[in-house]
């Protein structure tokens, strides 16, 4: 069992000891999307949803989720984040309305922020769904993936566009 970092000598779950790891600047960005109807798109962009400004609320939800990732994911270390940002980009193609969400997270520490970026992106999309479900429950949250990361022993990672 010693080859698995999240298991102790008895084969039981543990949080990895990172006390010997060097503190470095670490960043990560994650992407997800949500497909919506034209009606939802029109309401979001005109800021006329009954629950309020969808993107503002979703952005705050994503930031809060990044800050609380260790409460959601059992083996994640609580991190002091140095920065978190959520960006939105509409992709419209043949009456398909897709909101692409990019979450970027930064820290200086002994472990990476990939899970924080993925959690932030996911929570942002879920919040968009929650705020718009009265108009359509058929929205689809798209693929969620790590787009890039820097810092740490494993070095840099940048998702190849061919992987999509």
N, C-alpha and C. Protein backbone atom coordinates (compact mmCIF):
# COMPACT_ATOMS: atom_id res chain seq x y z
N UNK A 1 0.81 -1.20 0.00
CA UNK A 1 0.00 0.00 0.00
C UNK A 1 0.86 1.27 0.00
N UNK A 2 2.14 1.18 0.23
CA UNK A 2 2.97 2.37 0.36
C UNK A 2 3.07 3.17 -0.94
N UNK A 3 2.71 2.59 -2.09
CA UNK A 3 2.73 3.33 -3.35
C UNK A 3 1.59 4.33 -3.45
N UNK A 4 0.55 4.17 -2.66
CA UNK A 4 -0.59 5.06 -2.69
C UNK A 4 -0.43 6.11 -1.59
N UNK A 5 -0.39 7.38 -1.99
CA UNK A 5 -0.08 8.44 -1.03
C UNK A 5 -1.20 8.71 -0.03
N UNK A 6 -2.43 8.35 -0.34
CA UNK A 6 -3.53 8.65 0.55
C UNK A 6 -3.95 7.46 1.41
N UNK A 7 -3.05 6.47 1.52
CA UNK A 7 -3.29 5.32 2.39
C UNK A 7 -2.13 5.18 3.36
N UNK A 8 -2.44 4.84 4.61
CA UNK A 8 -1.38 4.60 5.58
C UNK A 8 -0.91 3.15 5.49
N UNK A 9 -0.02 2.76 6.40
CA UNK A 9 0.55 1.40 6.37
C UNK A 9 -0.51 0.32 6.57
N UNK A 10 -1.64 0.68 7.16
CA UNK A 10 -2.73 -0.27 7.39
C UNK A 10 -3.73 -0.28 6.24
N UNK A 11 -3.45 0.51 5.19
CA UNK A 11 -4.34 0.55 4.05
C UNK A 11 -5.57 1.43 4.26
N UNK A 12 -5.50 2.29 5.26
CA UNK A 12 -6.64 3.17 5.57
C UNK A 12 -6.33 4.59 5.08
N UNK A 13 -7.39 5.33 4.83
CA UNK A 13 -7.25 6.69 4.30
C UNK A 13 -6.49 7.59 5.25
N UNK A 14 -5.70 8.49 4.66
CA UNK A 14 -4.98 9.50 5.43
C UNK A 14 -4.79 10.75 4.58
N UNK A 15 -4.56 11.86 5.25
CA UNK A 15 -4.19 13.08 4.55
C UNK A 15 -2.68 13.06 4.39
N UNK A 16 -2.20 13.32 3.20
CA UNK A 16 -0.77 13.28 2.92
C UNK A 16 -0.03 14.33 3.74
N UNK A 17 1.14 13.97 4.26
CA UNK A 17 1.98 14.90 5.01
C UNK A 17 2.78 15.74 4.01
N UNK A 18 2.54 17.03 3.99
CA UNK A 18 3.23 17.92 3.06
C UNK A 18 4.23 18.83 3.78
N UNK A 19 4.55 18.52 5.02
CA UNK A 19 5.40 19.41 5.82
C UNK A 19 6.80 19.55 5.25
N UNK A 20 7.29 18.59 4.50
CA UNK A 20 8.63 18.68 3.92
C UNK A 20 8.65 19.30 2.52
N UNK A 21 7.49 19.59 1.98
CA UNK A 21 7.42 20.15 0.62
C UNK A 21 7.74 21.64 0.65
N UNK A 22 8.44 22.09 -0.37
CA UNK A 22 8.83 23.49 -0.48
C UNK A 22 7.62 24.35 -0.84
N UNK A 23 7.54 25.51 -0.21
CA UNK A 23 6.50 26.46 -0.58
C UNK A 23 6.88 27.14 -1.88
N UNK A 24 5.98 27.10 -2.84
CA UNK A 24 6.17 27.78 -4.11
C UNK A 24 4.86 28.45 -4.51
N UNK A 25 4.97 29.37 -5.48
CA UNK A 25 3.76 29.95 -6.02
C UNK A 25 3.09 28.89 -6.88
N UNK A 26 1.80 28.70 -6.69
CA UNK A 26 1.06 27.68 -7.41
C UNK A 26 -0.22 28.29 -7.96
N UNK A 27 -0.53 27.96 -9.19
CA UNK A 27 -1.75 28.44 -9.83
C UNK A 27 -2.45 27.27 -10.50
N UNK A 28 -3.73 27.42 -10.70
CA UNK A 28 -4.50 26.43 -11.46
C UNK A 28 -5.71 27.13 -12.07
N UNK A 29 -6.09 26.67 -13.24
CA UNK A 29 -7.34 27.14 -13.84
C UNK A 29 -8.13 25.93 -14.31
N UNK A 30 -9.43 26.00 -14.12
CA UNK A 30 -10.33 24.92 -14.51
C UNK A 30 -11.46 25.52 -15.32
N UNK A 31 -12.01 24.70 -16.21
CA UNK A 31 -13.07 25.15 -17.10
C UNK A 31 -14.25 24.20 -17.00
N UNK A 32 -15.43 24.76 -17.05
CA UNK A 32 -16.66 23.99 -17.21
C UNK A 32 -17.61 24.84 -18.04
N UNK A 33 -18.78 24.33 -18.31
CA UNK A 33 -19.76 25.10 -19.06
C UNK A 33 -21.16 24.64 -18.68
N UNK A 34 -22.12 25.47 -19.04
CA UNK A 34 -23.52 25.10 -18.85
C UNK A 34 -24.28 25.53 -20.11
N UNK A 35 -25.03 24.60 -20.67
CA UNK A 35 -25.85 24.85 -21.84
C UNK A 35 -27.23 25.30 -21.37
N UNK A 36 -27.69 26.42 -21.91
CA UNK A 36 -28.98 26.98 -21.50
C UNK A 36 -29.84 27.27 -22.73
N UNK A 37 -31.09 27.59 -22.48
CA UNK A 37 -31.99 27.96 -23.57
C UNK A 37 -31.78 29.43 -23.94
N UNK A 38 -32.34 29.82 -25.07
CA UNK A 38 -32.27 31.23 -25.49
C UNK A 38 -32.96 32.10 -24.45
N UNK A 39 -34.08 31.62 -23.89
CA UNK A 39 -34.80 32.40 -22.87
C UNK A 39 -33.91 32.67 -21.66
N UNK A 40 -33.19 31.65 -21.22
CA UNK A 40 -32.29 31.84 -20.07
C UNK A 40 -31.16 32.79 -20.45
N UNK A 41 -30.57 32.57 -21.63
CA UNK A 41 -29.51 33.47 -22.10
C UNK A 41 -29.99 34.92 -22.10
N UNK A 42 -31.18 35.15 -22.68
CA UNK A 42 -31.73 36.51 -22.74
C UNK A 42 -31.92 37.10 -21.35
N UNK A 43 -32.43 36.30 -20.42
CA UNK A 43 -32.65 36.79 -19.04
C UNK A 43 -31.34 37.06 -18.31
N UNK A 44 -30.36 36.19 -18.50
CA UNK A 44 -29.06 36.42 -17.83
C UNK A 44 -28.41 37.68 -18.38
N UNK A 45 -28.35 37.81 -19.70
CA UNK A 45 -27.65 38.95 -20.29
C UNK A 45 -28.39 40.27 -20.08
N UNK A 46 -29.70 40.21 -19.92
CA UNK A 46 -30.47 41.43 -19.64
C UNK A 46 -30.60 41.68 -18.14
N UNK A 47 -30.09 40.76 -17.34
CA UNK A 47 -30.16 40.84 -15.87
C UNK A 47 -31.61 40.97 -15.41
N UNK A 48 -32.47 40.07 -15.93
CA UNK A 48 -33.89 40.11 -15.58
C UNK A 48 -34.38 38.83 -14.90
N UNK A 49 -33.47 38.00 -14.43
CA UNK A 49 -33.88 36.79 -13.70
C UNK A 49 -34.48 37.21 -12.36
N UNK A 50 -35.55 36.55 -11.95
CA UNK A 50 -36.24 36.92 -10.71
C UNK A 50 -35.33 36.78 -9.49
N UNK A 51 -34.38 35.84 -9.52
CA UNK A 51 -33.51 35.63 -8.36
C UNK A 51 -32.37 36.64 -8.29
N UNK A 52 -32.21 37.47 -9.33
CA UNK A 52 -31.16 38.48 -9.31
C UNK A 52 -30.11 38.29 -10.38
N UNK A 53 -28.98 38.94 -10.18
CA UNK A 53 -27.87 38.92 -11.13
C UNK A 53 -27.19 37.55 -11.08
N UNK A 54 -27.51 36.71 -12.04
CA UNK A 54 -27.05 35.32 -12.05
C UNK A 54 -25.52 35.23 -12.02
N UNK A 55 -24.86 35.97 -12.89
CA UNK A 55 -23.40 35.84 -12.98
C UNK A 55 -22.70 36.39 -11.74
N UNK A 56 -23.23 37.45 -11.15
CA UNK A 56 -22.62 37.99 -9.92
C UNK A 56 -22.73 37.00 -8.78
N UNK A 57 -23.91 36.42 -8.62
CA UNK A 57 -24.11 35.44 -7.54
C UNK A 57 -23.27 34.19 -7.79
N UNK A 58 -23.24 33.72 -9.04
CA UNK A 58 -22.46 32.52 -9.37
C UNK A 58 -20.97 32.76 -9.15
N UNK A 59 -20.51 33.96 -9.47
CA UNK A 59 -19.11 34.31 -9.27
C UNK A 59 -18.74 34.25 -7.78
N UNK A 60 -19.58 34.81 -6.95
CA UNK A 60 -19.32 34.77 -5.50
C UNK A 60 -19.36 33.32 -5.00
N UNK A 61 -20.31 32.53 -5.50
CA UNK A 61 -20.39 31.12 -5.10
C UNK A 61 -19.12 30.37 -5.47
N UNK A 62 -18.59 30.64 -6.65
CA UNK A 62 -17.35 29.98 -7.08
C UNK A 62 -16.17 30.35 -6.19
N UNK A 63 -16.07 31.62 -5.84
CA UNK A 63 -14.98 32.06 -4.96
C UNK A 63 -15.12 31.42 -3.58
N UNK A 64 -16.34 31.41 -3.06
CA UNK A 64 -16.57 30.78 -1.76
C UNK A 64 -16.24 29.29 -1.80
N UNK A 65 -16.60 28.63 -2.88
CA UNK A 65 -16.32 27.20 -3.01
C UNK A 65 -14.81 26.94 -3.03
N UNK A 66 -14.07 27.77 -3.75
CA UNK A 66 -12.61 27.60 -3.78
C UNK A 66 -12.03 27.71 -2.37
N UNK A 67 -12.52 28.69 -1.61
CA UNK A 67 -12.02 28.90 -0.25
C UNK A 67 -12.38 27.76 0.70
N UNK A 68 -13.41 26.99 0.35
CA UNK A 68 -13.90 25.93 1.24
C UNK A 68 -13.72 24.53 0.66
N UNK A 69 -12.84 24.37 -0.30
CA UNK A 69 -12.66 23.07 -0.96
C UNK A 69 -12.35 21.96 0.03
N UNK A 70 -11.54 22.22 1.01
CA UNK A 70 -11.17 21.16 1.96
C UNK A 70 -12.37 20.70 2.79
N UNK A 71 -13.44 21.48 2.84
CA UNK A 71 -14.67 21.05 3.51
C UNK A 71 -15.47 20.08 2.64
N UNK A 72 -15.24 20.13 1.33
CA UNK A 72 -15.98 19.29 0.38
C UNK A 72 -15.23 18.03 0.00
N UNK A 73 -13.91 18.15 -0.17
CA UNK A 73 -13.09 17.05 -0.66
C UNK A 73 -12.26 16.54 0.52
N UNK A 74 -12.52 15.31 1.00
CA UNK A 74 -11.98 14.85 2.27
C UNK A 74 -10.46 14.93 2.45
N UNK A 75 -9.68 14.66 1.43
CA UNK A 75 -8.22 14.61 1.62
C UNK A 75 -7.51 15.90 1.22
N UNK A 76 -8.25 16.94 0.88
CA UNK A 76 -7.64 18.22 0.52
C UNK A 76 -7.19 18.97 1.77
N UNK A 77 -6.02 19.58 1.65
CA UNK A 77 -5.52 20.41 2.74
C UNK A 77 -6.22 21.77 2.71
N UNK A 78 -6.54 22.32 3.87
CA UNK A 78 -7.06 23.69 3.89
C UNK A 78 -5.95 24.64 3.44
N UNK A 79 -6.24 25.49 2.49
CA UNK A 79 -5.23 26.38 1.94
C UNK A 79 -5.60 27.83 2.16
N UNK A 80 -4.59 28.65 2.29
CA UNK A 80 -4.81 30.08 2.32
C UNK A 80 -4.60 30.58 0.90
N UNK A 81 -5.71 30.84 0.21
CA UNK A 81 -5.62 31.27 -1.17
C UNK A 81 -5.19 32.73 -1.24
N UNK A 82 -4.41 33.03 -2.26
CA UNK A 82 -3.93 34.39 -2.47
C UNK A 82 -4.78 35.13 -3.50
N UNK A 83 -5.51 34.38 -4.33
CA UNK A 83 -6.37 35.00 -5.32
C UNK A 83 -7.27 33.98 -5.98
N UNK A 84 -8.48 34.38 -6.31
CA UNK A 84 -9.43 33.54 -7.03
C UNK A 84 -10.22 34.43 -7.96
N UNK A 85 -10.40 33.98 -9.20
CA UNK A 85 -11.16 34.75 -10.17
C UNK A 85 -12.04 33.81 -10.98
N UNK A 86 -13.20 34.28 -11.35
CA UNK A 86 -14.13 33.53 -12.18
C UNK A 86 -14.41 34.38 -13.42
N UNK A 87 -14.25 33.79 -14.60
CA UNK A 87 -14.53 34.50 -15.85
C UNK A 87 -15.61 33.76 -16.63
N UNK A 88 -16.40 34.52 -17.37
CA UNK A 88 -17.51 33.97 -18.15
C UNK A 88 -17.32 34.33 -19.62
N UNK A 89 -17.69 33.39 -20.51
CA UNK A 89 -17.62 33.63 -21.94
C UNK A 89 -18.78 32.90 -22.61
N UNK A 90 -19.64 33.64 -23.30
CA UNK A 90 -20.76 33.02 -24.00
C UNK A 90 -20.29 32.46 -25.33
N UNK A 91 -20.68 31.23 -25.65
CA UNK A 91 -20.43 30.58 -26.93
C UNK A 91 -21.80 30.31 -27.55
N UNK A 92 -22.11 30.99 -28.64
CA UNK A 92 -23.41 30.82 -29.28
C UNK A 92 -23.18 30.28 -30.67
N UNK A 93 -23.84 29.16 -30.97
CA UNK A 93 -23.65 28.50 -32.26
C UNK A 93 -24.96 27.80 -32.64
N UNK A 94 -25.56 28.23 -33.74
CA UNK A 94 -26.79 27.60 -34.24
C UNK A 94 -27.83 27.39 -33.14
N UNK A 95 -28.17 28.47 -32.46
CA UNK A 95 -29.19 28.43 -31.41
C UNK A 95 -28.79 27.59 -30.20
N UNK A 96 -27.50 27.29 -30.06
CA UNK A 96 -26.98 26.64 -28.84
C UNK A 96 -26.33 27.73 -28.01
N UNK A 97 -26.73 27.80 -26.77
CA UNK A 97 -26.23 28.84 -25.87
C UNK A 97 -25.45 28.17 -24.76
N UNK A 98 -24.16 28.39 -24.76
CA UNK A 98 -23.28 27.76 -23.79
C UNK A 98 -22.51 28.85 -23.04
N UNK A 99 -22.58 28.81 -21.73
CA UNK A 99 -21.81 29.71 -20.89
C UNK A 99 -20.56 28.96 -20.44
N UNK A 100 -19.41 29.40 -20.93
CA UNK A 100 -18.15 28.79 -20.50
C UNK A 100 -17.66 29.52 -19.25
N UNK A 101 -17.27 28.76 -18.26
CA UNK A 101 -16.83 29.29 -16.97
C UNK A 101 -15.38 28.88 -16.74
N UNK A 102 -14.52 29.85 -16.44
CA UNK A 102 -13.13 29.57 -16.13
C UNK A 102 -12.84 30.08 -14.72
N UNK A 103 -12.36 29.18 -13.88
CA UNK A 103 -11.99 29.54 -12.50
C UNK A 103 -10.47 29.49 -12.39
N UNK A 104 -9.89 30.56 -11.88
CA UNK A 104 -8.44 30.64 -11.70
C UNK A 104 -8.14 30.86 -10.22
N UNK A 105 -7.19 30.10 -9.71
CA UNK A 105 -6.86 30.15 -8.28
C UNK A 105 -5.35 30.23 -8.13
N UNK A 106 -4.92 30.97 -7.09
CA UNK A 106 -3.50 31.16 -6.84
C UNK A 106 -3.21 31.08 -5.35
N UNK A 107 -2.06 30.51 -5.01
CA UNK A 107 -1.59 30.50 -3.63
C UNK A 107 -0.08 30.44 -3.62
N UNK A 108 0.50 30.57 -2.46
CA UNK A 108 1.90 30.28 -2.24
C UNK A 108 1.90 29.28 -1.09
N UNK A 109 2.30 28.06 -1.39
CA UNK A 109 2.21 27.04 -0.37
C UNK A 109 2.89 25.74 -0.76
N UNK A 110 2.55 24.69 -0.01
CA UNK A 110 3.21 23.39 -0.16
C UNK A 110 2.41 22.39 -0.97
N UNK A 111 1.24 22.78 -1.42
CA UNK A 111 0.43 21.88 -2.23
C UNK A 111 -0.36 22.70 -3.25
N UNK A 112 -0.76 22.05 -4.32
CA UNK A 112 -1.38 22.74 -5.44
C UNK A 112 -2.82 23.14 -5.21
N UNK A 113 -3.34 23.91 -6.16
CA UNK A 113 -4.70 24.43 -6.06
C UNK A 113 -5.60 23.90 -7.18
N UNK A 114 -5.25 22.75 -7.74
CA UNK A 114 -6.08 22.18 -8.80
C UNK A 114 -7.50 21.90 -8.32
N UNK A 115 -7.63 21.31 -7.15
CA UNK A 115 -8.96 20.96 -6.63
C UNK A 115 -9.77 22.22 -6.32
N UNK A 116 -9.11 23.26 -5.88
CA UNK A 116 -9.80 24.51 -5.60
C UNK A 116 -10.35 25.11 -6.89
N UNK A 117 -9.58 25.07 -7.97
CA UNK A 117 -10.05 25.60 -9.25
C UNK A 117 -11.22 24.76 -9.79
N UNK A 118 -11.10 23.44 -9.70
CA UNK A 118 -12.17 22.56 -10.18
C UNK A 118 -13.45 22.73 -9.36
N UNK A 119 -13.30 22.88 -8.06
CA UNK A 119 -14.45 23.07 -7.18
C UNK A 119 -15.11 24.41 -7.47
N UNK A 120 -14.30 25.45 -7.67
CA UNK A 120 -14.85 26.77 -7.97
C UNK A 120 -15.64 26.76 -9.28
N UNK A 121 -15.09 26.14 -10.31
CA UNK A 121 -15.79 26.08 -11.60
C UNK A 121 -17.10 25.32 -11.45
N UNK A 122 -17.07 24.21 -10.75
CA UNK A 122 -18.27 23.38 -10.58
C UNK A 122 -19.35 24.12 -9.80
N UNK A 123 -18.97 24.75 -8.70
CA UNK A 123 -19.94 25.48 -7.89
C UNK A 123 -20.54 26.66 -8.65
N UNK A 124 -19.74 27.29 -9.48
CA UNK A 124 -20.25 28.39 -10.30
C UNK A 124 -21.33 27.89 -11.25
N UNK A 125 -21.07 26.80 -11.94
CA UNK A 125 -22.05 26.24 -12.86
C UNK A 125 -23.30 25.78 -12.13
N UNK A 126 -23.13 25.15 -10.99
CA UNK A 126 -24.29 24.71 -10.21
C UNK A 126 -25.15 25.89 -9.75
N UNK A 127 -24.51 26.99 -9.44
CA UNK A 127 -25.25 28.17 -9.02
C UNK A 127 -26.03 28.77 -10.18
N UNK A 128 -25.44 28.80 -11.37
CA UNK A 128 -26.18 29.25 -12.55
C UNK A 128 -27.41 28.37 -12.72
N UNK A 129 -27.22 27.05 -12.61
CA UNK A 129 -28.35 26.13 -12.73
C UNK A 129 -29.43 26.47 -11.69
N UNK A 130 -29.02 26.61 -10.46
CA UNK A 130 -29.98 26.87 -9.38
C UNK A 130 -30.78 28.15 -9.62
N UNK A 131 -30.11 29.17 -10.09
CA UNK A 131 -30.78 30.46 -10.27
C UNK A 131 -31.69 30.48 -11.49
N UNK A 132 -31.51 29.53 -12.42
CA UNK A 132 -32.28 29.53 -13.67
C UNK A 132 -33.23 28.36 -13.80
N UNK A 133 -33.25 27.44 -12.87
CA UNK A 133 -34.03 26.21 -13.02
C UNK A 133 -35.53 26.43 -13.09
N UNK A 134 -36.02 27.56 -12.62
CA UNK A 134 -37.45 27.85 -12.73
C UNK A 134 -37.87 27.98 -14.19
N UNK A 135 -36.95 28.42 -15.06
CA UNK A 135 -37.26 28.56 -16.48
C UNK A 135 -37.05 27.26 -17.25
N UNK A 136 -36.06 26.46 -16.84
CA UNK A 136 -35.77 25.21 -17.55
C UNK A 136 -34.90 24.31 -16.68
N UNK A 137 -35.39 23.14 -16.40
CA UNK A 137 -34.62 22.18 -15.61
C UNK A 137 -33.74 21.30 -16.49
N UNK A 138 -33.80 21.49 -17.81
CA UNK A 138 -33.05 20.67 -18.75
C UNK A 138 -31.66 21.20 -19.08
N UNK A 139 -31.20 22.20 -18.36
CA UNK A 139 -29.84 22.71 -18.61
C UNK A 139 -28.84 21.58 -18.38
N UNK A 140 -27.74 21.64 -19.13
CA UNK A 140 -26.71 20.61 -19.03
C UNK A 140 -25.39 21.26 -18.66
N UNK A 141 -24.81 20.79 -17.57
CA UNK A 141 -23.48 21.25 -17.19
C UNK A 141 -22.48 20.38 -17.95
N UNK A 142 -21.57 21.06 -18.66
CA UNK A 142 -20.67 20.37 -19.58
C UNK A 142 -19.45 19.76 -18.94
N UNK A 143 -18.52 19.40 -19.78
CA UNK A 143 -17.27 18.81 -19.28
C UNK A 143 -16.56 19.79 -18.36
N UNK A 144 -16.00 19.25 -17.29
CA UNK A 144 -15.23 20.05 -16.34
C UNK A 144 -13.83 19.49 -16.34
N UNK A 145 -12.84 20.38 -16.50
CA UNK A 145 -11.47 19.88 -16.61
C UNK A 145 -10.46 20.92 -16.13
N UNK A 146 -9.28 20.42 -15.77
CA UNK A 146 -8.16 21.27 -15.42
C UNK A 146 -7.57 21.80 -16.72
N UNK A 147 -7.49 23.11 -16.86
CA UNK A 147 -6.94 23.71 -18.08
C UNK A 147 -5.43 23.93 -17.96
N UNK A 148 -4.98 24.30 -16.75
CA UNK A 148 -3.56 24.56 -16.56
C UNK A 148 -3.24 24.57 -15.07
N UNK A 149 -1.96 24.33 -14.77
CA UNK A 149 -1.46 24.46 -13.40
C UNK A 149 0.01 24.78 -13.48
N UNK A 150 0.49 25.52 -12.47
CA UNK A 150 1.91 25.82 -12.37
C UNK A 150 2.35 25.58 -10.93
N UNK A 151 3.66 25.41 -10.76
CA UNK A 151 4.25 25.25 -9.44
C UNK A 151 4.27 23.81 -8.97
N UNK A 152 5.05 23.58 -7.93
CA UNK A 152 5.12 22.25 -7.33
C UNK A 152 6.08 21.31 -8.04
N UNK A 153 6.21 20.11 -7.47
CA UNK A 153 7.15 19.12 -8.00
C UNK A 153 6.79 18.62 -9.39
N UNK A 154 5.51 18.56 -9.69
CA UNK A 154 5.11 18.02 -11.00
C UNK A 154 5.23 19.06 -12.11
N UNK A 155 5.58 20.30 -11.78
CA UNK A 155 5.81 21.32 -12.80
C UNK A 155 4.54 21.85 -13.42
N UNK A 156 4.68 22.32 -14.65
CA UNK A 156 3.57 22.95 -15.34
C UNK A 156 2.75 21.94 -16.12
N UNK A 157 1.47 22.24 -16.24
CA UNK A 157 0.56 21.46 -17.06
C UNK A 157 -0.32 22.43 -17.81
N UNK A 158 -0.44 22.22 -19.11
CA UNK A 158 -1.35 23.00 -19.94
C UNK A 158 -2.10 22.01 -20.81
N UNK A 159 -3.40 21.99 -20.65
CA UNK A 159 -4.23 21.06 -21.41
C UNK A 159 -4.09 21.35 -22.90
N UNK A 160 -3.86 20.32 -23.65
CA UNK A 160 -3.75 20.43 -25.10
C UNK A 160 -5.15 20.57 -25.67
N UNK A 161 -5.34 21.51 -26.59
CA UNK A 161 -6.66 21.72 -27.19
C UNK A 161 -7.19 20.45 -27.85
N UNK A 162 -6.32 19.55 -28.25
CA UNK A 162 -6.73 18.29 -28.88
C UNK A 162 -7.42 17.36 -27.88
N UNK A 163 -7.25 17.62 -26.58
CA UNK A 163 -7.84 16.76 -25.55
C UNK A 163 -9.34 16.99 -25.39
N UNK A 164 -9.85 18.09 -25.93
CA UNK A 164 -11.27 18.43 -25.74
C UNK A 164 -12.19 17.53 -26.52
